[in-house]
Amino acid sequence: MSAKNLDNKGRFRGKIISFRMSSEESNLLDTKVKLSGLTKQDYIIKKLTDSAVMVQPNPRVYKSLKVQLESVLTELKEKEPSDELLEIIKLITTTLYGMKGEDE
């Protein structure tokens, strides 16, 4: 029998929760996770339990912001922005202002 894996607070996480998403919803979730700097599991748990998602600035978050901004710029040059794109722009703006320590 293998040893139980505990999280960083000493909890055993033995429950598995799964759900279905469209590819658009999955892409949006992946984007939000990358911009948060958290693992997907930690991000989903924080959102589902109404806990605040605090972005911890690190090189990975900065790289995700850069990649997302390049993607947004490309899409804005090609066509009218979609609702999904506007949500990503809002998330990027919130993240950047939060990293600077400013109010929106």
Protein backbone atom coordinates (compact mmCIF):
# COMPACT_ATOMS: atom_id res chain seq x y z
CA MET A 1 0.00 0.00 0.00
CA SER A 2 1.38 3.41 -0.91
CA ALA A 3 1.86 6.25 1.56
CA LYS A 4 -0.85 8.91 1.79
CA ASN A 5 0.00 12.18 0.06
CA LEU A 6 -0.63 15.20 2.28
CA ASP A 7 -0.91 18.79 1.11
CA ASN A 8 1.22 21.62 2.54
CA LYS A 9 -1.19 21.99 5.50
CA GLY A 10 -1.05 18.30 6.39
CA ARG A 11 -4.46 17.40 4.93
CA PHE A 12 -5.10 14.20 3.07
CA ARG A 13 -7.00 14.94 -0.12
CA GLY A 14 -8.65 11.67 -1.02
CA LYS A 15 -11.80 12.97 -2.74
CA ILE A 16 -11.89 13.33 -6.51
CA ILE A 17 -14.26 15.86 -8.06
CA SER A 18 -14.63 16.03 -11.83
CA PHE A 19 -16.83 17.90 -14.27
CA ARG A 20 -17.18 18.57 -17.97
CA MET A 21 -16.35 21.82 -19.75
CA SER A 22 -16.48 23.07 -23.31
CA SER A 23 -13.14 23.75 -24.98
CA GLU A 24 -13.79 27.51 -24.70
CA GLU A 25 -14.48 27.23 -20.96
CA SER A 26 -11.40 25.05 -20.53
CA ASN A 27 -9.21 27.56 -22.37
CA LEU A 28 -10.55 30.40 -20.22
CA LEU A 29 -9.91 28.39 -17.04
CA ASP A 30 -6.38 27.58 -18.18
CA THR A 31 -5.74 31.27 -18.87
CA LYS A 32 -7.01 32.29 -15.44
CA VAL A 33 -4.91 29.61 -13.75
CA LYS A 34 -1.75 30.71 -15.59
CA LEU A 35 -2.33 34.35 -14.67
CA SER A 36 -2.90 33.46 -11.01
CA GLY A 37 0.39 31.62 -10.55
CA LEU A 38 -1.45 28.84 -8.67
CA THR A 39 -1.90 25.22 -9.58
CA LYS A 40 -5.18 24.41 -11.30
CA GLN A 41 -6.31 22.44 -8.24
CA ASP A 42 -5.57 25.31 -5.84
CA TYR A 43 -7.21 27.87 -8.14
CA ILE A 44 -10.41 25.83 -8.50
CA ILE A 45 -10.60 25.15 -4.74
CA LYS A 46 -10.16 28.86 -3.95
CA LYS A 47 -12.84 29.89 -6.44
CA LEU A 48 -15.32 27.23 -5.31
CA THR A 49 -14.87 28.05 -1.63
CA ASP A 50 -15.16 31.82 -2.23
CA SER A 51 -11.60 32.40 -1.04
CA ALA A 52 -9.63 35.28 -2.48
CA VAL A 53 -7.20 34.35 -5.22
CA MET A 54 -4.00 36.22 -4.38
CA VAL A 55 -1.55 36.36 -7.27
CA GLN A 56 2.01 35.77 -6.17
CA PRO A 57 4.27 37.65 -8.59
CA ASN A 58 6.92 35.39 -10.03
CA PRO A 59 8.62 34.94 -13.42
CA ARG A 60 6.01 32.39 -14.51
CA VAL A 61 3.15 34.88 -13.92
CA TYR A 62 5.02 37.62 -15.79
CA LYS A 63 5.59 35.26 -18.72
CA SER A 64 1.90 34.28 -18.74
CA LEU A 65 0.92 37.95 -18.74
CA LYS A 66 3.24 38.65 -21.66
CA VAL A 67 1.93 35.70 -23.68
CA GLN A 68 -1.70 36.63 -22.99
CA LEU A 69 -1.12 40.28 -23.90
CA GLU A 70 0.47 39.23 -27.21
CA SER A 71 -2.50 36.96 -27.89
CA VAL A 72 -4.96 39.77 -27.06
CA LEU A 73 -3.14 42.21 -29.33
CA THR A 74 -3.20 39.73 -32.22
CA GLU A 75 -6.92 39.06 -31.79
CA LEU A 76 -7.74 42.77 -31.50
CA LYS A 77 -5.91 43.44 -34.77
CA GLU A 78 -7.88 40.71 -36.55
CA LYS A 79 -11.47 41.31 -35.46
CA GLU A 80 -13.96 42.78 -33.00
CA PRO A 81 -13.27 41.59 -29.42
CA SER A 82 -15.42 38.73 -28.10
CA ASP A 83 -16.89 38.56 -24.60
CA GLU A 84 -14.25 35.97 -23.69
CA LEU A 85 -11.47 38.28 -24.87
CA LEU A 86 -12.90 41.19 -22.89
CA GLU A 87 -12.97 39.00 -19.78
CA ILE A 88 -9.31 38.08 -20.31
CA ILE A 89 -8.40 41.76 -20.75
CA LYS A 90 -10.20 42.60 -17.49
CA LEU A 91 -8.37 39.77 -15.69
CA ILE A 92 -4.98 40.91 -17.02
CA THR A 93 -5.70 44.50 -15.95
CA THR A 94 -6.78 43.40 -12.47
CA THR A 95 -3.67 41.23 -12.13
CA LEU A 96 -1.32 44.00 -13.22
CA TYR A 97 -2.88 46.59 -10.91
CA GLY A 98 -2.83 44.09 -8.05
CA MET A 99 0.86 43.39 -8.62
CA LYS A 100 1.58 47.12 -8.53
CA GLY A 101 -0.45 47.47 -5.34
CA GLU A 102 -2.91 49.95 -6.84
CA ASP A 103 -6.70 50.09 -6.79
CA GLU A 104 -8.51 49.66 -10.08
